[in-house]
Amino acid sequence: MGRRALRKPNPALDLSRHLATLDILPRPWKPAAIFGRRAPLEIEVGSGKGLFLRSAAAAQPEVDFLGIEIGAKYAQFAAAALAKRNLPNARVIHGDAIRLFAELLPDASLAAVHVYFPDPWWKRRHKKRRVLRDAFLRHVERTLAPGGLLHVWTDVLEYFETTVALIAATTGLVGPIDVPEKPAEHDLDYRTHFERRTRHHEQPVYRGQWEKGA
């Protein structure tokens, strides 16, 4: 299932507090310069329409959430949704997650990393473009604090099985820990819009969680 066309955000919305580009992030890394405070930080790789960001930020005001989205229109859409709800503990970065992890994030700086329904790059010659590859996973392990979690969900069994094997071969993260599917309490009670569409089509979702040891 591909992405659907997006509605244009309200041009009157001020996105300055919720949208930035990778190149203007502080160097060296200072999350307090982004959020105005020091708090546990979780990063979502590939935020899409931003359902996870706004749900998680509203449910956990004591945690800061940073989404990284390579698609400019999706980054703007997700940021507009955060601005509309005035969620101060969530931001969207338009840019490449590989660069964010490799160039900016220091060791043991994250409480969690979320990767939901990444592009599977179906063709064999394109699979090297997948975000869940060995170099990125080593950066995930490096940037997670002890006890930090990596969450990976996908609707592609081959991608999930490949990722499970790659995490075991590449990192010391403990898992996968099974994540049971919970019934939706309302129409947007899903981790992402993609999970909602997948489950509405009665297709399986493969979920895993890994933890960094002390």
Protein backbone atom coordinates (compact mmCIF):
# COMPACT_ATOMS: atom_id res chain seq x y z
CA MET A 1 0.00 0.00 0.00
CA GLY A 2 1.49 3.28 -1.07
CA ARG A 3 1.12 6.66 0.52
CA ARG A 4 -1.98 8.69 -0.26
CA ALA A 5 -2.01 12.33 -1.28
CA LEU A 6 -1.80 14.75 1.64
CA ARG A 7 -4.04 17.64 2.49
CA LYS A 8 -2.18 20.93 2.54
CA PRO A 9 -1.62 22.29 6.07
CA ASN A 10 -3.28 25.52 7.09
CA PRO A 11 -0.88 28.25 5.87
CA ALA A 12 -1.76 30.33 8.94
CA LEU A 13 -0.15 27.79 11.25
CA ASP A 14 3.23 28.81 12.67
CA LEU A 15 5.51 25.79 12.22
CA SER A 16 8.68 27.44 13.52
CA ARG A 17 8.52 25.59 16.86
CA HIS A 18 7.74 22.21 15.35
CA LEU A 19 9.63 21.95 12.05
CA ALA A 20 13.33 22.26 11.27
CA THR A 21 15.89 20.92 8.83
CA LEU A 22 18.79 18.67 9.65
CA ASP A 23 21.38 21.30 8.77
CA ILE A 24 20.20 23.82 11.37
CA LEU A 25 20.25 21.44 14.33
CA PRO A 26 22.74 22.40 17.05
CA ARG A 27 26.31 21.12 16.69
CA PRO A 28 27.48 19.82 19.09
CA TRP A 29 24.20 18.13 19.91
CA LYS A 30 22.10 19.97 22.52
CA PRO A 31 18.50 18.76 22.81
CA ALA A 32 17.77 21.56 25.29
CA ALA A 33 18.31 24.02 22.45
CA ILE A 34 15.49 22.31 20.55
CA PHE A 35 13.00 21.70 23.35
CA GLY A 36 14.01 24.31 25.93
CA ARG A 37 14.57 21.70 28.63
CA ARG A 38 16.41 18.50 29.48
CA ALA A 39 14.21 15.39 29.33
CA PRO A 40 14.37 11.79 28.07
CA LEU A 41 14.51 11.86 24.28
CA GLU A 42 12.93 9.37 21.88
CA ILE A 43 13.40 9.47 18.10
CA GLU A 44 11.05 8.18 15.43
CA VAL A 45 12.68 7.33 12.11
CA GLY A 46 10.29 8.05 9.23
CA SER A 47 7.46 9.95 10.89
CA GLY A 48 5.05 9.94 7.95
CA LYS A 49 1.87 11.80 8.86
CA GLY A 50 2.99 12.05 12.48
CA LEU A 51 0.32 10.01 14.27
CA PHE A 52 2.84 8.36 16.59
CA LEU A 53 4.53 11.66 17.42
CA ARG A 54 1.38 13.48 18.41
CA SER A 55 -0.13 10.53 20.29
CA ALA A 56 3.06 9.79 22.21
CA ALA A 57 3.77 13.46 22.97
CA ALA A 58 0.25 13.99 24.31
CA ALA A 59 0.39 10.83 26.42
CA GLN A 60 3.90 11.43 27.82
CA PRO A 61 4.47 15.15 28.40
CA GLU A 62 7.56 14.36 30.49
CA VAL A 63 9.34 12.89 27.42
CA ASP A 64 10.61 14.74 24.31
CA PHE A 65 9.95 13.21 20.88
CA LEU A 66 11.87 13.98 17.71
CA GLY A 67 10.69 12.71 14.34
CA ILE A 68 12.98 12.54 11.32
CA GLU A 69 11.25 12.42 7.92
CA ILE A 70 12.95 12.57 4.52
CA GLY A 71 9.78 13.57 2.64
CA ALA A 72 9.35 17.35 2.80
CA LYS A 73 5.56 17.31 2.44
CA TYR A 74 5.18 14.65 5.11
CA ALA A 75 7.52 16.47 7.49
CA GLN A 76 5.45 19.63 7.04
CA PHE A 77 2.17 17.75 7.49
CA ALA A 78 3.36 16.06 10.70
CA ALA A 79 4.71 19.35 12.08
CA ALA A 80 1.42 21.09 11.31
CA ALA A 81 -0.46 18.45 13.28
CA LEU A 82 1.83 19.06 16.27
CA ALA A 83 1.45 22.83 15.97
CA LYS A 84 -2.33 22.56 15.72
CA ARG A 85 -2.38 20.63 19.00
CA ASN A 86 0.25 22.87 20.60
CA LEU A 87 2.45 19.97 21.68
CA PRO A 88 5.70 21.52 22.96
CA ASN A 89 7.51 18.20 23.49
CA ALA A 90 7.53 17.03 19.87
CA ARG A 91 9.41 18.27 16.80
CA VAL A 92 9.86 17.08 13.22
CA ILE A 93 13.14 17.25 11.36
CA HIS A 94 13.14 17.21 7.56
CA GLY A 95 16.20 15.20 6.59
CA ASP A 96 17.99 11.88 6.39
CA ALA A 97 17.92 9.69 9.51
CA ILE A 98 21.20 8.04 8.54
CA ARG A 99 22.95 11.43 8.73
CA LEU A 100 21.22 12.37 11.98
CA PHE A 101 22.50 9.27 13.74
CA ALA A 102 25.94 9.22 12.14
CA GLU A 103 26.78 12.93 12.40
CA LEU A 104 24.94 14.42 15.36
CA LEU A 105 23.74 12.03 18.04
CA PRO A 106 26.22 11.27 20.83
CA ASP A 107 26.60 7.99 22.68
CA ALA A 108 23.89 6.98 25.18
CA SER A 109 21.71 10.00 24.38
CA LEU A 110 18.38 8.34 23.57
CA ALA A 111 15.72 6.61 25.64
CA ALA A 112 14.19 4.90 22.60
CA VAL A 113 14.29 4.63 18.81
CA HIS A 114 11.08 3.92 16.90
CA VAL A 115 11.03 2.55 13.34
CA TYR A 116 7.51 1.86 12.10
CA PHE A 117 6.73 0.44 8.65
CA PRO A 118 9.97 1.49 6.92
CA ASP A 119 10.09 1.36 3.13
CA PRO A 120 10.89 -2.30 2.29
CA TRP A 121 12.54 -1.48 -1.05
CA TRP A 122 11.14 -4.61 -2.63
CA LYS A 123 13.53 -5.04 -5.55
CA ARG A 124 16.64 -7.05 -4.75
CA ARG A 125 19.00 -4.41 -6.16
CA HIS A 126 17.33 -1.72 -4.01
CA LYS A 127 17.46 -3.49 -0.64
CA LYS A 128 20.74 -1.76 0.16
CA ARG A 129 18.64 1.40 0.56
CA ARG A 130 16.77 0.02 3.55
CA VAL A 131 17.21 2.10 6.69
CA LEU A 132 17.52 -1.02 8.85
CA ARG A 133 20.98 -2.06 7.77
CA ASP A 134 24.12 -2.89 9.73
CA ALA A 135 25.72 0.58 9.94
CA PHE A 136 22.50 2.23 11.07
CA LEU A 137 21.78 -0.46 13.65
CA ARG A 138 25.24 -0.01 15.16
CA HIS A 139 24.48 3.70 15.52
CA VAL A 140 21.16 2.85 17.18
CA GLU A 141 22.94 0.68 19.71
CA ARG A 142 25.58 3.36 20.30
CA THR A 143 23.08 6.17 20.84
CA LEU A 144 20.70 4.26 23.12
CA ALA A 145 21.23 4.77 26.84
CA PRO A 146 21.42 1.63 29.01
CA GLY A 147 17.90 0.28 29.24
CA GLY A 148 16.95 2.12 26.04
CA LEU A 149 14.60 0.44 23.57
CA LEU A 150 14.48 -0.10 19.81
CA HIS A 151 10.96 -0.62 18.44
CA VAL A 152 10.56 -2.09 14.94
CA TRP A 153 7.19 -2.78 13.28
CA THR A 154 6.57 -3.80 9.68
CA ASP A 155 3.96 -5.56 7.58
CA VAL A 156 6.68 -7.34 5.56
CA LEU A 157 7.65 -10.68 7.09
CA GLU A 158 10.87 -10.98 5.08
CA TYR A 159 11.99 -7.53 6.25
CA PHE A 160 11.19 -8.37 9.86
CA GLU A 161 13.03 -11.70 9.77
CA THR A 162 16.03 -10.11 8.04
CA THR A 163 16.10 -7.33 10.64
CA VAL A 164 15.88 -9.76 13.56
CA ALA A 165 18.86 -11.68 12.20
CA LEU A 166 20.81 -8.51 11.42
CA ILE A 167 20.29 -7.05 14.90
CA ALA A 168 21.52 -10.31 16.44
CA ALA A 169 24.59 -10.39 14.19
CA THR A 170 25.44 -6.69 14.39
CA THR A 171 24.57 -5.53 17.90
CA GLY A 172 24.35 -6.65 21.51
CA LEU A 173 20.74 -5.54 21.86
CA VAL A 174 18.55 -8.02 23.72
CA GLY A 175 15.48 -9.28 21.91
CA PRO A 176 13.28 -9.46 20.07
CA ILE A 177 10.68 -9.09 22.77
CA ASP A 178 7.23 -9.81 21.37
CA VAL A 179 4.79 -6.90 21.34
CA PRO A 180 1.19 -8.13 21.43
CA GLU A 181 -1.45 -6.50 19.25
CA LYS A 182 -3.99 -4.58 21.27
CA PRO A 183 -7.57 -3.85 20.23
CA ALA A 184 -8.09 -0.29 19.01
CA GLU A 185 -10.26 1.75 21.38
CA HIS A 186 -11.07 4.33 18.70
CA ASP A 187 -10.41 4.94 15.01
CA LEU A 188 -6.97 6.53 15.54
CA ASP A 189 -5.81 4.22 18.34
CA TYR A 190 -2.93 2.86 16.28
CA ARG A 191 0.81 3.44 16.40
CA THR A 192 0.80 4.95 12.89
CA HIS A 193 -1.61 5.57 10.03
CA PHE A 194 0.09 2.72 8.21
CA GLU A 195 -0.71 0.31 11.03
CA ARG A 196 -4.33 1.49 10.90
CA ARG A 197 -4.58 0.82 7.16
CA THR A 198 -2.82 -2.53 7.46
CA ARG A 199 -5.09 -3.78 10.22
CA HIS A 200 -8.22 -2.48 8.50
CA HIS A 201 -7.19 -4.65 5.55
CA GLU A 202 -6.81 -7.58 8.00
CA GLN A 203 -3.14 -7.98 7.16
CA PRO A 204 -0.55 -9.02 9.77
CA VAL A 205 1.83 -6.64 11.52
CA TYR A 206 5.17 -7.95 12.78
CA ARG A 207 6.33 -6.19 15.95
CA GLY A 208 9.58 -6.43 17.88
CA GLN A 209 11.31 -4.62 20.73
CA TRP A 210 14.97 -4.76 21.70
CA GLU A 211 16.67 -3.44 24.84
CA LYS A 212 20.19 -2.18 25.41
CA GLY A 213 21.85 -3.74 28.42
CA ALA A 214 23.58 -1.90 31.24
